[in-house]
Amino acid sequence: MDVRGMRNDVLGPRIVKALESRNMEAYYVKTKEEALKKALELIPEGSSVSWGGSMSAEEIGLLDVIRSGNYEALDRDVKETRAEKQEVMHQAFQCDFFVGSTNALSEDGILVNIDGNANRVAAYAYGPENVLLIVGMNKVVKTPADAMNRARNEASPINAQRFGIATPCVSNGMCADCKSPDCICCQILITRYSKSPRRIKVILVDENLGF
């Protein structure tokens, strides 16, 4: 008996309603495959698509489809110089769909995201016509305060370790509220409502995705 799945099947639809109450579009699916199918239903072919380094979107196979399919992929990772990468990141603010995830999501539908360069949180807040977030149920927590705690003390240290940088959280596994030159926690975005109806679209997935 998949008791965790049973719990998520009750909790997931409730979070969908919470997100919808905040003017967002939301869906709950069981698998990565269903998440990919729903994402491709939402992104019309021919759309310009960019992203900010989302492991969750990578894990469901969405970025591979965007790169190889009938889409205009604004992909900074294929650029060689910093100037070229910066140009793509600026172009992303005009794209049809900006794909990503969230560092944490409270049960009442509030998104918390932390960023170093801030291109990701800036795009979530303003610019791209649509923001599509792929969110594993592992990122769901009880309250907005819990969401902030998860973003700072779980997601951020793991990402810093993944990047191989020299911040206190890399060595101690917890946020030290540092001012390191390598800090990836420079900007914190709390999204509690979407001013533009359905601009932010969230696909909740009953799987562990991202960090």
C-alpha atoms as a PDB file:
ATOM      1  CA  MET A   1       0.000   0.000   0.000  1.00  0.00           C
ATOM      2  CA  ASP A   2       1.432   3.367  -1.061  1.00  0.00           C
ATOM      3  CA  VAL A   3       0.405   5.375   1.983  1.00  0.00           C
ATOM      4  CA  ARG A   4       2.527   8.368   0.980  1.00  0.00           C
ATOM      5  CA  GLY A   5       0.736   8.424  -2.371  1.00  0.00           C
ATOM      6  CA  MET A   6      -2.623   8.205  -0.589  1.00  0.00           C
ATOM      7  CA  ARG A   7      -1.700  11.233   1.508  1.00  0.00           C
ATOM      8  CA  ASN A   8      -0.501  13.189  -1.518  1.00  0.00           C
ATOM      9  CA  ASP A   9      -3.666  12.361  -3.449  1.00  0.00           C
ATOM     10  CA  VAL A  10      -5.590  14.203  -0.740  1.00  0.00           C
ATOM     11  CA  LEU A  11      -3.095  17.005  -0.195  1.00  0.00           C
ATOM     12  CA  GLY A  12      -2.235  17.675  -3.860  1.00  0.00           C
ATOM     13  CA  PRO A  13      -5.737  18.722  -4.999  1.00  0.00           C
ATOM     14  CA  ARG A  14      -6.059  20.912  -1.890  1.00  0.00           C
ATOM     15  CA  ILE A  15      -2.854  22.750  -2.830  1.00  0.00           C
ATOM     16  CA  VAL A  16      -4.145  23.132  -6.386  1.00  0.00           C
ATOM     17  CA  LYS A  17      -7.195  24.944  -4.992  1.00  0.00           C
ATOM     18  CA  ALA A  18      -4.938  27.120  -2.824  1.00  0.00           C
ATOM     19  CA  LEU A  19      -2.853  28.116  -5.848  1.00  0.00           C
ATOM     20  CA  GLU A  20      -5.991  28.819  -7.886  1.00  0.00           C
ATOM     21  CA  SER A  21      -7.248  31.078  -5.095  1.00  0.00           C
ATOM     22  CA  ARG A  22      -4.067  33.091  -5.650  1.00  0.00           C
ATOM     23  CA  ASN A  23      -4.854  33.645  -9.351  1.00  0.00           C
ATOM     24  CA  MET A  24      -2.532  30.869 -10.553  1.00  0.00           C
ATOM     25  CA  GLU A  25      -3.261  27.909 -12.792  1.00  0.00           C
ATOM     26  CA  ALA A  26      -2.475  24.565 -11.162  1.00  0.00           C
ATOM     27  CA  TYR A  27      -2.591  20.828 -11.790  1.00  0.00           C
ATOM     28  CA  TYR A  28      -1.799  17.704  -9.778  1.00  0.00           C
ATOM     29  CA  VAL A  29      -0.364  14.644 -11.543  1.00  0.00           C
ATOM     30  CA  LYS A  30       1.066  11.368 -10.318  1.00  0.00           C
ATOM     31  CA  THR A  31       4.157  10.775 -12.448  1.00  0.00           C
ATOM     32  CA  LYS A  32       6.990  12.485 -14.335  1.00  0.00           C
ATOM     33  CA  GLU A  33       5.470  11.227 -17.570  1.00  0.00           C
ATOM     34  CA  GLU A  34       2.127  12.842 -16.783  1.00  0.00           C
ATOM     35  CA  ALA A  35       3.908  16.046 -15.800  1.00  0.00           C
ATOM     36  CA  LEU A  36       5.749  16.154 -19.134  1.00  0.00           C
ATOM     37  CA  LYS A  37       2.523  15.505 -21.045  1.00  0.00           C
ATOM     38  CA  LYS A  38       0.694  18.290 -19.193  1.00  0.00           C
ATOM     39  CA  ALA A  39       3.594  20.732 -19.675  1.00  0.00           C
ATOM     40  CA  LEU A  40       3.614  20.115 -23.432  1.00  0.00           C
ATOM     41  CA  GLU A  41      -0.156  20.620 -23.527  1.00  0.00           C
ATOM     42  CA  LEU A  42       0.378  24.043 -21.963  1.00  0.00           C
ATOM     43  CA  ILE A  43       3.296  25.155 -24.176  1.00  0.00           C
ATOM     44  CA  PRO A  44       2.209  25.538 -27.825  1.00  0.00           C
ATOM     45  CA  GLU A  45       4.718  24.499 -30.462  1.00  0.00           C
ATOM     46  CA  GLY A  46       6.570  27.477 -31.856  1.00  0.00           C
ATOM     47  CA  SER A  47       6.703  29.188 -28.452  1.00  0.00           C
ATOM     48  CA  SER A  48       9.883  30.847 -27.263  1.00  0.00           C
ATOM     49  CA  VAL A  49      10.959  29.088 -24.060  1.00  0.00           C
ATOM     50  CA  SER A  50      13.689  29.769 -21.534  1.00  0.00           C
ATOM     51  CA  TRP A  51      14.590  28.569 -18.057  1.00  0.00           C
ATOM     52  CA  GLY A  52      16.788  29.326 -15.086  1.00  0.00           C
ATOM     53  CA  GLY A  53      18.526  26.051 -14.355  1.00  0.00           C
ATOM     54  CA  SER A  54      15.650  23.902 -13.087  1.00  0.00           C
ATOM     55  CA  MET A  55      16.554  20.343 -12.072  1.00  0.00           C
ATOM     56  CA  SER A  56      12.846  19.469 -11.801  1.00  0.00           C
ATOM     57  CA  ALA A  57      12.131  20.447 -15.416  1.00  0.00           C
ATOM     58  CA  GLU A  58      15.261  18.553 -16.437  1.00  0.00           C
ATOM     59  CA  GLU A  59      14.228  15.435 -14.528  1.00  0.00           C
ATOM     60  CA  ILE A  60      10.839  15.104 -16.228  1.00  0.00           C
ATOM     61  CA  GLY A  61      12.511  15.462 -19.648  1.00  0.00           C
ATOM     62  CA  LEU A  62      10.940  18.819 -20.495  1.00  0.00           C
ATOM     63  CA  LEU A  63      14.156  20.678 -21.313  1.00  0.00           C
ATOM     64  CA  ASP A  64      15.293  17.932 -23.702  1.00  0.00           C
ATOM     65  CA  VAL A  65      11.983  18.176 -25.571  1.00  0.00           C
ATOM     66  CA  ILE A  66      12.211  21.971 -25.754  1.00  0.00           C
ATOM     67  CA  ARG A  67      15.780  21.810 -27.049  1.00  0.00           C
ATOM     68  CA  SER A  68      15.000  19.217 -29.726  1.00  0.00           C
ATOM     69  CA  GLY A  69      11.394  20.063 -30.586  1.00  0.00           C
ATOM     70  CA  ASN A  70       9.554  22.742 -32.518  1.00  0.00           C
ATOM     71  CA  TYR A  71      10.287  25.524 -30.040  1.00  0.00           C
ATOM     72  CA  GLU A  72      12.539  28.558 -29.892  1.00  0.00           C
ATOM     73  CA  ALA A  73      14.836  27.531 -27.037  1.00  0.00           C
ATOM     74  CA  LEU A  74      16.588  30.427 -25.320  1.00  0.00           C
ATOM     75  CA  ASP A  75      19.312  28.308 -23.741  1.00  0.00           C
ATOM     76  CA  ARG A  76      22.189  30.093 -22.026  1.00  0.00           C
ATOM     77  CA  ASP A  77      24.002  26.791 -21.448  1.00  0.00           C
ATOM     78  CA  VAL A  78      24.912  26.450 -25.119  1.00  0.00           C
ATOM     79  CA  LYS A  79      26.635  29.836 -25.139  1.00  0.00           C
ATOM     80  CA  GLU A  80      30.388  30.064 -24.613  1.00  0.00           C
ATOM     81  CA  THR A  81      31.069  33.527 -23.231  1.00  0.00           C
ATOM     82  CA  ARG A  82      29.640  35.334 -20.230  1.00  0.00           C
ATOM     83  CA  ALA A  83      28.422  38.128 -22.497  1.00  0.00           C
ATOM     84  CA  GLU A  84      26.530  35.649 -24.682  1.00  0.00           C
ATOM     85  CA  LYS A  85      24.975  34.007 -21.626  1.00  0.00           C
ATOM     86  CA  GLN A  86      23.938  37.407 -20.277  1.00  0.00           C
ATOM     87  CA  GLU A  87      22.306  38.276 -23.590  1.00  0.00           C
ATOM     88  CA  VAL A  88      20.193  35.108 -23.484  1.00  0.00           C
ATOM     89  CA  MET A  89      19.183  35.773 -19.877  1.00  0.00           C
ATOM     90  CA  HIS A  90      17.972  39.224 -20.896  1.00  0.00           C
ATOM     91  CA  GLN A  91      16.124  37.802 -23.916  1.00  0.00           C
ATOM     92  CA  ALA A  92      14.352  35.406 -21.547  1.00  0.00           C
ATOM     93  CA  PHE A  93      12.340  38.273 -20.052  1.00  0.00           C
ATOM     94  CA  GLN A  94      10.485  38.550 -23.379  1.00  0.00           C
ATOM     95  CA  CYS A  95       9.865  34.824 -23.898  1.00  0.00           C
ATOM     96  CA  ASP A  96       6.468  33.140 -24.157  1.00  0.00           C
ATOM     97  CA  PHE A  97       7.213  30.613 -21.401  1.00  0.00           C
ATOM     98  CA  PHE A  98       9.783  30.677 -18.620  1.00  0.00           C
ATOM     99  CA  VAL A  99      10.173  27.191 -17.143  1.00  0.00           C
ATOM    100  CA  GLY A 100      11.348  26.429 -13.626  1.00  0.00           C
ATOM    101  CA  SER A 101      10.387  25.105 -10.225  1.00  0.00           C
ATOM    102  CA  THR A 102      10.219  26.545  -6.727  1.00  0.00           C
ATOM    103  CA  ASN A 103      12.463  26.125  -3.729  1.00  0.00           C
ATOM    104  CA  ALA A 104       9.436  25.628  -1.506  1.00  0.00           C
ATOM    105  CA  LEU A 105       5.632  25.749  -1.581  1.00  0.00           C
ATOM    106  CA  SER A 106       3.398  26.147   1.441  1.00  0.00           C
ATOM    107  CA  GLU A 107       0.112  24.280   1.716  1.00  0.00           C
ATOM    108  CA  ASP A 108      -1.773  27.560   1.353  1.00  0.00           C
ATOM    109  CA  GLY A 109      -0.177  28.225  -2.045  1.00  0.00           C
ATOM    110  CA  ILE A 110       2.722  30.588  -1.329  1.00  0.00           C
ATOM    111  CA  LEU A 111       5.922  30.138  -3.343  1.00  0.00           C
ATOM    112  CA  VAL A 112       9.348  30.928  -1.886  1.00  0.00           C
ATOM    113  CA  ASN A 113      12.408  31.207  -4.116  1.00  0.00           C
ATOM    114  CA  ILE A 114      16.012  32.193  -3.441  1.00  0.00           C
ATOM    115  CA  ASP A 115      18.449  33.208  -6.158  1.00  0.00           C
ATOM    116  CA  GLY A 116      22.012  34.353  -6.632  1.00  0.00           C
ATOM    117  CA  ASN A 117      22.060  36.145  -9.997  1.00  0.00           C
ATOM    118  CA  ALA A 118      18.315  36.838  -9.608  1.00  0.00           C
ATOM    119  CA  ASN A 119      17.480  36.190 -13.273  1.00  0.00           C
ATOM    120  CA  ARG A 120      15.182  33.344 -12.203  1.00  0.00           C
ATOM    121  CA  VAL A 121      13.257  35.187  -9.488  1.00  0.00           C
ATOM    122  CA  ALA A 122      13.114  38.312 -11.662  1.00  0.00           C
ATOM    123  CA  ALA A 123      11.464  36.319 -14.459  1.00  0.00           C
ATOM    124  CA  TYR A 124       9.017  34.744 -12.017  1.00  0.00           C
ATOM    125  CA  ALA A 125       7.996  38.195 -10.792  1.00  0.00           C
ATOM    126  CA  TYR A 126       7.777  40.041 -14.108  1.00  0.00           C
ATOM    127  CA  GLY A 127       8.538  39.774 -17.816  1.00  0.00           C
ATOM    128  CA  PRO A 128       7.788  36.451 -19.547  1.00  0.00           C
ATOM    129  CA  GLU A 129       4.209  36.027 -20.685  1.00  0.00           C
ATOM    130  CA  ASN A 130       3.893  32.713 -18.837  1.00  0.00           C
ATOM    131  CA  VAL A 131       5.797  31.072 -15.991  1.00  0.00           C
ATOM    132  CA  LEU A 132       5.525  27.266 -15.822  1.00  0.00           C
ATOM    133  CA  LEU A 133       6.719  25.604 -12.616  1.00  0.00           C
ATOM    134  CA  ILE A 134       7.292  21.856 -12.198  1.00  0.00           C
ATOM    135  CA  VAL A 135       7.056  21.092  -8.485  1.00  0.00           C
ATOM    136  CA  GLY A 136       7.591  17.759  -6.761  1.00  0.00           C
ATOM    137  CA  MET A 137       5.532  17.096  -3.643  1.00  0.00           C
ATOM    138  CA  ASN A 138       8.814  16.889  -1.716  1.00  0.00           C
ATOM    139  CA  LYS A 139       8.889  20.711  -1.836  1.00  0.00           C
ATOM    140  CA  VAL A 140       5.531  21.135  -0.103  1.00  0.00           C
ATOM    141  CA  VAL A 141       5.627  22.311   3.514  1.00  0.00           C
ATOM    142  CA  LYS A 142       3.007  23.423   6.003  1.00  0.00           C
ATOM    143  CA  THR A 143       3.415  27.191   6.328  1.00  0.00           C
ATOM    144  CA  PRO A 144       5.118  30.124   4.564  1.00  0.00           C
ATOM    145  CA  ALA A 145       7.638  30.190   7.441  1.00  0.00           C
ATOM    146  CA  ASP A 146       8.386  26.526   6.789  1.00  0.00           C
ATOM    147  CA  ALA A 147       8.787  27.361   3.107  1.00  0.00           C
ATOM    148  CA  MET A 148      11.387  30.002   3.910  1.00  0.00           C
ATOM    149  CA  ASN A 149      13.194  27.556   6.178  1.00  0.00           C
ATOM    150  CA  ARG A 150      13.230  24.889   3.479  1.00  0.00           C
ATOM    151  CA  ALA A 151      14.492  27.296   0.840  1.00  0.00           C
ATOM    152  CA  ARG A 152      17.312  28.589   3.031  1.00  0.00           C
ATOM    153  CA  ASN A 153      18.367  25.460   4.921  1.00  0.00           C
ATOM    154  CA  GLU A 154      17.684  22.619   2.493  1.00  0.00           C
ATOM    155  CA  ALA A 155      17.465  23.800  -1.109  1.00  0.00           C
ATOM    156  CA  SER A 156      20.171  26.458  -0.965  1.00  0.00           C
ATOM    157  CA  PRO A 157      22.918  24.375   0.710  1.00  0.00           C
ATOM    158  CA  ILE A 158      22.300  21.496  -1.698  1.00  0.00           C
ATOM    159  CA  ASN A 159      22.469  23.807  -4.707  1.00  0.00           C
ATOM    160  CA  ALA A 160      25.620  25.470  -3.377  1.00  0.00           C
ATOM    161  CA  GLN A 161      27.211  22.043  -2.940  1.00  0.00           C
ATOM    162  CA  ARG A 162      26.108  21.121  -6.457  1.00  0.00           C
ATOM    163  CA  PHE A 163      27.818  24.227  -7.859  1.00  0.00           C
ATOM    164  CA  GLY A 164      31.016  23.512  -5.937  1.00  0.00           C
ATOM    165  CA  ILE A 165      31.318  27.021  -4.512  1.00  0.00           C
ATOM    166  CA  ALA A 166      32.859  28.228  -1.259  1.00  0.00           C
ATOM    167  CA  THR A 167      30.055  29.287   1.071  1.00  0.00           C
ATOM    168  CA  PRO A 168      29.546  28.352   4.746  1.00  0.00           C
ATOM    169  CA  CYS A 169      26.502  26.219   3.893  1.00  0.00           C
ATOM    170  CA  VAL A 170      28.665  23.994   1.673  1.00  0.00           C
ATOM    171  CA  SER A 171      30.720  22.936   4.672  1.00  0.00           C
ATOM    172  CA  ASN A 172      28.052  22.894   7.399  1.00  0.00           C
ATOM    173  CA  GLY A 173      24.895  22.022   5.434  1.00  0.00           C
ATOM    174  CA  MET A 174      22.842  24.915   6.826  1.00  0.00           C
ATOM    175  CA  CYS A 175      22.370  28.584   5.952  1.00  0.00           C
ATOM    176  CA  ALA A 176      24.786  30.852   7.822  1.00  0.00           C
ATOM    177  CA  ASP A 177      23.209  34.086   6.555  1.00  0.00           C
ATOM    178  CA  CYS A 178      26.545  34.736   4.867  1.00  0.00           C
ATOM    179  CA  LYS A 179      27.835  37.624   2.798  1.00  0.00           C
ATOM    180  CA  SER A 180      30.200  35.442   0.820  1.00  0.00           C
ATOM    181  CA  PRO A 181      31.121  36.569  -2.712  1.00  0.00           C
ATOM    182  CA  ASP A 182      29.833  33.152  -3.833  1.00  0.00           C
ATOM    183  CA  CYS A 183      26.496  33.548  -2.034  1.00  0.00           C
ATOM    184  CA  ILE A 184      23.557  32.133  -4.012  1.00  0.00           C
ATOM    185  CA  CYS A 185      21.002  33.622  -1.580  1.00  0.00           C
ATOM    186  CA  CYS A 186      21.176  37.230  -2.764  1.00  0.00           C
ATOM    187  CA  GLN A 187      17.508  37.709  -3.625  1.00  0.00           C
ATOM    188  CA  ILE A 188      14.448  36.157  -1.959  1.00  0.00           C
ATOM    189  CA  LEU A 189      11.080  36.185  -3.733  1.00  0.00           C
ATOM    190  CA  ILE A 190       7.802  35.411  -1.978  1.00  0.00           C
ATOM    191  CA  THR A 191       4.957  34.938  -4.437  1.00  0.00           C
ATOM    192  CA  ARG A 192       1.581  35.097  -2.698  1.00  0.00           C
ATOM    193  CA  TYR A 193      -0.623  36.181  -5.630  1.00  0.00           C
ATOM    194  CA  SER A 194      -0.405  36.442  -9.415  1.00  0.00           C
ATOM    195  CA  LYS A 195      -1.468  39.910 -10.552  1.00  0.00           C
ATOM    196  CA  SER A 196      -1.918  38.578 -14.085  1.00  0.00           C
ATOM    197  CA  PRO A 197      -4.535  35.791 -14.047  1.00  0.00           C
ATOM    198  CA  ARG A 198      -3.112  32.318 -14.772  1.00  0.00           C
ATOM    199  CA  ARG A 199       0.289  33.727 -15.795  1.00  0.00           C
ATOM    200  CA  ILE A 200       1.924  31.424 -13.254  1.00  0.00           C
ATOM    201  CA  LYS A 201       1.155  27.780 -13.951  1.00  0.00           C
ATOM    202  CA  VAL A 202       2.124  25.068 -11.466  1.00  0.00           C
ATOM    203  CA  ILE A 203       2.258  21.342 -12.161  1.00  0.00           C
ATOM    204  CA  LEU A 204       2.432  19.457  -8.860  1.00  0.00           C
ATOM    205  CA  VAL A 205       3.944  15.995  -9.240  1.00  0.00           C
ATOM    206  CA  ASP A 206       3.619  13.115  -6.777  1.00  0.00           C
ATOM    207  CA  GLU A 207       7.353  12.409  -7.035  1.00  0.00           C
ATOM    208  CA  ASN A 208      10.562  13.738  -5.525  1.00  0.00           C
ATOM    209  CA  LEU A 209      11.942  16.295  -7.981  1.00  0.00           C
ATOM    210  CA  GLY A 210      14.798  18.742  -7.624  1.00  0.00           C
ATOM    211  CA  PHE A 211      16.162  19.916  -4.295  1.00  0.00           C
END
